[in-house]
């Protein structure tokens, strides 16, 4: 999302005439957007909670490969190495970083 209020800084500057300073005030549009994303994530989690482990694993695998494929220079060898080592935590961390 490109915020028109704060240019994605997360805050705006507002004058405090009582203390004669400029104050950083949290951008309400960005806050509302973050709250909406968290609410959507929670609702999506509730819907997907009963999905089988195999189906979720396939979905995560396809998502990770899709994200890697979108990079300018995809590093498939890194993923092959993590899969060969069965390093689940590193694969999950990679997915979190890529997303």
N, C-alpha and C. Protein backbone atom coordinates (compact mmCIF):
# COMPACT_ATOMS: atom_id res chain seq x y z
N UNK A 1 0.84 -1.17 0.00
CA UNK A 1 0.00 0.00 0.00
C UNK A 1 0.89 1.24 0.00
N UNK A 2 0.58 2.18 -0.85
CA UNK A 2 1.26 3.46 -0.85
C UNK A 2 0.38 4.48 -0.16
N UNK A 3 0.81 4.89 1.01
CA UNK A 3 0.03 5.83 1.82
C UNK A 3 0.21 7.25 1.30
N UNK A 4 -0.89 7.91 1.05
CA UNK A 4 -0.85 9.29 0.57
C UNK A 4 -0.61 10.29 1.70
N UNK A 5 -0.91 9.86 2.92
CA UNK A 5 -0.78 10.76 4.06
C UNK A 5 0.67 10.90 4.52
N UNK A 6 1.38 9.77 4.61
CA UNK A 6 2.71 9.80 5.22
C UNK A 6 3.82 9.29 4.30
N UNK A 7 3.49 8.92 3.06
CA UNK A 7 4.47 8.36 2.12
C UNK A 7 5.15 7.12 2.69
N UNK A 8 4.39 6.27 3.35
CA UNK A 8 4.85 5.00 3.92
C UNK A 8 5.89 5.16 5.03
N UNK A 9 5.91 6.30 5.68
CA UNK A 9 6.82 6.50 6.82
C UNK A 9 6.20 5.98 8.12
N UNK A 10 4.87 5.92 8.16
CA UNK A 10 4.18 5.44 9.36
C UNK A 10 3.82 6.55 10.33
N UNK A 11 4.24 7.77 10.02
CA UNK A 11 3.91 8.90 10.90
C UNK A 11 3.82 10.18 10.07
N UNK A 12 3.16 11.16 10.63
CA UNK A 12 3.10 12.49 10.02
C UNK A 12 3.61 13.50 11.04
N UNK A 13 4.04 14.64 10.56
CA UNK A 13 4.49 15.71 11.44
C UNK A 13 3.35 16.71 11.62
N UNK A 14 3.04 17.00 12.87
CA UNK A 14 1.99 17.96 13.20
C UNK A 14 2.53 18.97 14.19
N UNK A 15 2.10 20.18 14.05
CA UNK A 15 2.57 21.24 14.92
C UNK A 15 1.89 21.17 16.29
N UNK A 16 2.70 21.32 17.34
CA UNK A 16 2.19 21.43 18.70
C UNK A 16 2.47 22.87 19.12
N UNK A 17 1.45 23.73 19.00
CA UNK A 17 1.65 25.15 19.24
C UNK A 17 1.87 25.47 20.72
N UNK A 18 1.39 24.63 21.61
CA UNK A 18 1.57 24.86 23.02
C UNK A 18 3.05 24.74 23.41
N UNK A 19 3.75 23.76 22.83
CA UNK A 19 5.16 23.56 23.16
C UNK A 19 6.10 24.06 22.07
N UNK A 20 5.52 24.58 21.00
CA UNK A 20 6.26 25.13 19.87
C UNK A 20 7.24 24.13 19.28
N UNK A 21 6.73 22.92 19.02
CA UNK A 21 7.54 21.88 18.39
C UNK A 21 6.69 21.15 17.35
N UNK A 22 7.37 20.40 16.50
CA UNK A 22 6.68 19.52 15.57
C UNK A 22 6.67 18.12 16.20
N UNK A 23 5.52 17.48 16.20
CA UNK A 23 5.38 16.17 16.82
C UNK A 23 5.12 15.12 15.74
N UNK A 24 5.71 13.95 15.96
CA UNK A 24 5.40 12.82 15.09
C UNK A 24 4.13 12.17 15.60
N UNK A 25 3.16 12.02 14.72
CA UNK A 25 1.89 11.40 15.06
C UNK A 25 1.71 10.19 14.16
N UNK A 26 1.37 9.06 14.76
CA UNK A 26 1.20 7.84 13.98
C UNK A 26 0.12 8.03 12.92
N UNK A 27 0.42 7.59 11.71
CA UNK A 27 -0.50 7.72 10.58
C UNK A 27 -1.68 6.78 10.79
N UNK A 28 -2.86 7.33 10.83
CA UNK A 28 -4.06 6.53 11.08
C UNK A 28 -4.40 5.64 9.89
N UNK A 29 -4.10 6.09 8.67
CA UNK A 29 -4.36 5.26 7.50
C UNK A 29 -3.50 4.01 7.53
N UNK A 30 -2.21 4.17 7.85
CA UNK A 30 -1.31 3.02 7.94
C UNK A 30 -1.71 2.09 9.07
N UNK A 31 -2.12 2.65 10.19
CA UNK A 31 -2.55 1.85 11.33
C UNK A 31 -3.80 1.05 10.98
N UNK A 32 -4.75 1.69 10.30
CA UNK A 32 -5.97 0.99 9.88
C UNK A 32 -5.64 -0.12 8.89
N UNK A 33 -4.70 0.13 7.99
CA UNK A 33 -4.31 -0.87 7.01
C UNK A 33 -3.66 -2.08 7.70
N UNK A 34 -2.78 -1.83 8.65
CA UNK A 34 -2.14 -2.92 9.40
C UNK A 34 -3.16 -3.72 10.19
N UNK A 35 -4.11 -3.03 10.81
CA UNK A 35 -5.17 -3.73 11.56
C UNK A 35 -6.02 -4.59 10.64
N UNK A 36 -6.32 -4.09 9.43
CA UNK A 36 -7.10 -4.85 8.47
C UNK A 36 -6.33 -6.09 8.04
N UNK A 37 -5.02 -5.98 7.82
CA UNK A 37 -4.20 -7.13 7.42
C UNK A 37 -4.17 -8.18 8.53
N UNK A 38 -4.04 -7.74 9.78
CA UNK A 38 -4.02 -8.68 10.90
C UNK A 38 -5.37 -9.39 11.05
N UNK A 39 -6.45 -8.65 10.89
CA UNK A 39 -7.79 -9.23 11.00
C UNK A 39 -8.01 -10.24 9.88
N UNK A 40 -7.60 -9.91 8.66
CA UNK A 40 -7.73 -10.83 7.54
C UNK A 40 -6.89 -12.09 7.75
N UNK A 41 -5.70 -11.92 8.28
CA UNK A 41 -4.83 -13.06 8.56
C UNK A 41 -5.47 -13.97 9.60
N UNK A 42 -6.05 -13.40 10.63
CA UNK A 42 -6.71 -14.19 11.68
C UNK A 42 -7.90 -14.96 11.11
N UNK A 43 -8.71 -14.29 10.31
CA UNK A 43 -9.87 -14.96 9.71
C UNK A 43 -9.44 -16.06 8.75
N UNK A 44 -8.40 -15.80 7.96
CA UNK A 44 -7.89 -16.80 7.04
C UNK A 44 -7.35 -18.01 7.79
N UNK A 45 -6.68 -17.77 8.90
CA UNK A 45 -6.17 -18.86 9.73
C UNK A 45 -7.32 -19.73 10.24
N UNK A 46 -8.41 -19.11 10.68
CA UNK A 46 -9.56 -19.86 11.18
C UNK A 46 -10.19 -20.71 10.08
N UNK A 47 -10.20 -20.19 8.86
CA UNK A 47 -10.78 -20.95 7.74
C UNK A 47 -9.88 -22.12 7.37
N UNK A 48 -8.56 -21.89 7.37
CA UNK A 48 -7.62 -22.92 6.90
C UNK A 48 -7.19 -23.91 7.99
N UNK A 49 -7.65 -23.73 9.21
CA UNK A 49 -7.17 -24.54 10.32
C UNK A 49 -7.47 -26.03 10.13
N UNK A 50 -8.54 -26.34 9.43
CA UNK A 50 -8.92 -27.75 9.24
C UNK A 50 -8.34 -28.35 7.96
N UNK A 51 -7.54 -27.61 7.24
CA UNK A 51 -6.94 -28.13 6.01
C UNK A 51 -5.87 -29.15 6.37
N UNK A 52 -5.75 -30.17 5.54
CA UNK A 52 -4.79 -31.24 5.83
C UNK A 52 -3.36 -30.71 5.76
N UNK A 53 -2.47 -31.37 6.49
CA UNK A 53 -1.06 -30.98 6.52
C UNK A 53 -0.43 -31.10 5.14
N UNK A 54 -0.78 -32.13 4.41
CA UNK A 54 -0.20 -32.33 3.09
C UNK A 54 -0.59 -31.20 2.14
N UNK A 55 -1.84 -30.80 2.21
CA UNK A 55 -2.31 -29.72 1.33
C UNK A 55 -1.64 -28.39 1.70
N UNK A 56 -1.50 -28.13 2.99
CA UNK A 56 -0.84 -26.89 3.42
C UNK A 56 0.64 -26.90 3.03
N UNK A 57 1.30 -28.07 3.16
CA UNK A 57 2.71 -28.17 2.78
C UNK A 57 2.87 -27.90 1.28
N UNK A 58 1.96 -28.43 0.47
CA UNK A 58 2.00 -28.19 -0.97
C UNK A 58 1.80 -26.71 -1.28
N UNK A 59 0.87 -26.08 -0.59
CA UNK A 59 0.59 -24.67 -0.79
C UNK A 59 1.82 -23.82 -0.44
N UNK A 60 2.45 -24.11 0.70
CA UNK A 60 3.64 -23.37 1.12
C UNK A 60 4.80 -23.60 0.15
N UNK A 61 4.96 -24.83 -0.32
CA UNK A 61 6.02 -25.13 -1.28
C UNK A 61 5.83 -24.35 -2.56
N UNK A 62 4.61 -24.37 -3.09
CA UNK A 62 4.33 -23.64 -4.33
C UNK A 62 4.54 -22.14 -4.16
N UNK A 63 4.14 -21.63 -3.00
CA UNK A 63 4.31 -20.20 -2.72
C UNK A 63 5.78 -19.83 -2.65
N UNK A 64 6.59 -20.63 -1.96
CA UNK A 64 8.02 -20.36 -1.84
C UNK A 64 8.70 -20.40 -3.20
N UNK A 65 8.40 -21.42 -3.99
CA UNK A 65 9.01 -21.52 -5.32
C UNK A 65 8.57 -20.34 -6.20
N UNK A 66 7.31 -19.94 -6.09
CA UNK A 66 6.82 -18.80 -6.85
C UNK A 66 7.54 -17.51 -6.46
N UNK A 67 7.76 -17.31 -5.16
CA UNK A 67 8.47 -16.12 -4.69
C UNK A 67 9.92 -16.12 -5.14
N UNK A 68 10.56 -17.27 -5.09
CA UNK A 68 11.96 -17.36 -5.53
C UNK A 68 12.05 -17.10 -7.03
N UNK A 69 11.09 -17.61 -7.78
CA UNK A 69 11.09 -17.46 -9.23
C UNK A 69 10.92 -16.00 -9.66
N UNK A 70 10.30 -15.18 -8.83
CA UNK A 70 10.08 -13.77 -9.15
C UNK A 70 11.33 -12.91 -8.96
N UNK A 71 12.35 -13.44 -8.27
CA UNK A 71 13.56 -12.68 -8.02
C UNK A 71 14.33 -12.46 -9.33
N UNK A 72 15.19 -11.45 -9.34
CA UNK A 72 16.00 -11.16 -10.51
C UNK A 72 16.99 -12.29 -10.80
N UNK A 73 17.62 -12.80 -9.75
CA UNK A 73 18.54 -13.94 -9.90
C UNK A 73 18.14 -15.02 -8.89
N UNK A 74 17.20 -15.89 -9.27
CA UNK A 74 16.71 -16.91 -8.34
C UNK A 74 17.81 -17.86 -7.87
N UNK A 75 17.80 -18.16 -6.58
CA UNK A 75 18.81 -19.04 -5.98
C UNK A 75 18.16 -20.38 -5.63
N UNK A 76 17.96 -21.21 -6.66
CA UNK A 76 17.34 -22.51 -6.45
C UNK A 76 18.26 -23.46 -5.70
N UNK A 77 19.55 -23.31 -5.90
CA UNK A 77 20.51 -24.20 -5.24
C UNK A 77 20.42 -24.11 -3.72
N UNK A 78 20.15 -22.92 -3.22
CA UNK A 78 20.01 -22.73 -1.78
C UNK A 78 18.83 -23.55 -1.25
N UNK A 79 17.71 -23.51 -1.98
CA UNK A 79 16.53 -24.26 -1.56
C UNK A 79 16.79 -25.76 -1.67
N UNK A 80 17.44 -26.18 -2.77
CA UNK A 80 17.78 -27.59 -2.91
C UNK A 80 18.65 -28.06 -1.73
N UNK A 81 19.60 -27.24 -1.31
CA UNK A 81 20.48 -27.60 -0.20
C UNK A 81 19.70 -27.70 1.11
N UNK A 82 18.78 -26.75 1.34
CA UNK A 82 17.97 -26.79 2.56
C UNK A 82 17.05 -28.00 2.58
N UNK A 83 16.49 -28.35 1.41
CA UNK A 83 15.61 -29.51 1.32
C UNK A 83 16.41 -30.79 1.54
N UNK A 84 17.60 -30.87 0.95
CA UNK A 84 18.44 -32.06 1.11
C UNK A 84 18.85 -32.25 2.57
N UNK A 85 19.09 -31.13 3.26
CA UNK A 85 19.47 -31.20 4.68
C UNK A 85 18.26 -31.35 5.59
N UNK A 86 17.05 -31.28 5.01
CA UNK A 86 15.79 -31.34 5.77
C UNK A 86 15.76 -30.30 6.88
N UNK A 87 16.22 -29.12 6.55
CA UNK A 87 16.30 -28.01 7.50
C UNK A 87 14.99 -27.22 7.45
N UNK A 88 14.00 -27.68 8.22
CA UNK A 88 12.67 -27.09 8.21
C UNK A 88 12.67 -25.64 8.69
N UNK A 89 13.39 -25.37 9.76
CA UNK A 89 13.40 -24.02 10.32
C UNK A 89 13.95 -23.00 9.33
N UNK A 90 15.02 -23.36 8.62
CA UNK A 90 15.59 -22.44 7.64
C UNK A 90 14.65 -22.23 6.46
N UNK A 91 13.93 -23.27 6.04
CA UNK A 91 12.97 -23.13 4.97
C UNK A 91 11.81 -22.22 5.38
N UNK A 92 11.35 -22.37 6.60
CA UNK A 92 10.27 -21.51 7.10
C UNK A 92 10.77 -20.07 7.21
N UNK A 93 11.99 -19.89 7.70
CA UNK A 93 12.57 -18.54 7.80
C UNK A 93 12.72 -17.91 6.41
N UNK A 94 13.14 -18.71 5.44
CA UNK A 94 13.28 -18.21 4.07
C UNK A 94 11.92 -17.76 3.54
N UNK A 95 10.90 -18.55 3.80
CA UNK A 95 9.55 -18.18 3.35
C UNK A 95 9.09 -16.88 4.02
N UNK A 96 9.38 -16.72 5.30
CA UNK A 96 8.99 -15.50 6.01
C UNK A 96 9.72 -14.30 5.44
N UNK A 97 10.98 -14.45 5.11
CA UNK A 97 11.76 -13.33 4.56
C UNK A 97 11.28 -12.98 3.16
N UNK A 98 10.98 -14.01 2.37
CA UNK A 98 10.59 -13.78 0.99
C UNK A 98 9.19 -13.14 0.89
N UNK A 99 8.31 -13.46 1.83
CA UNK A 99 6.94 -12.98 1.76
C UNK A 99 6.80 -11.57 2.16
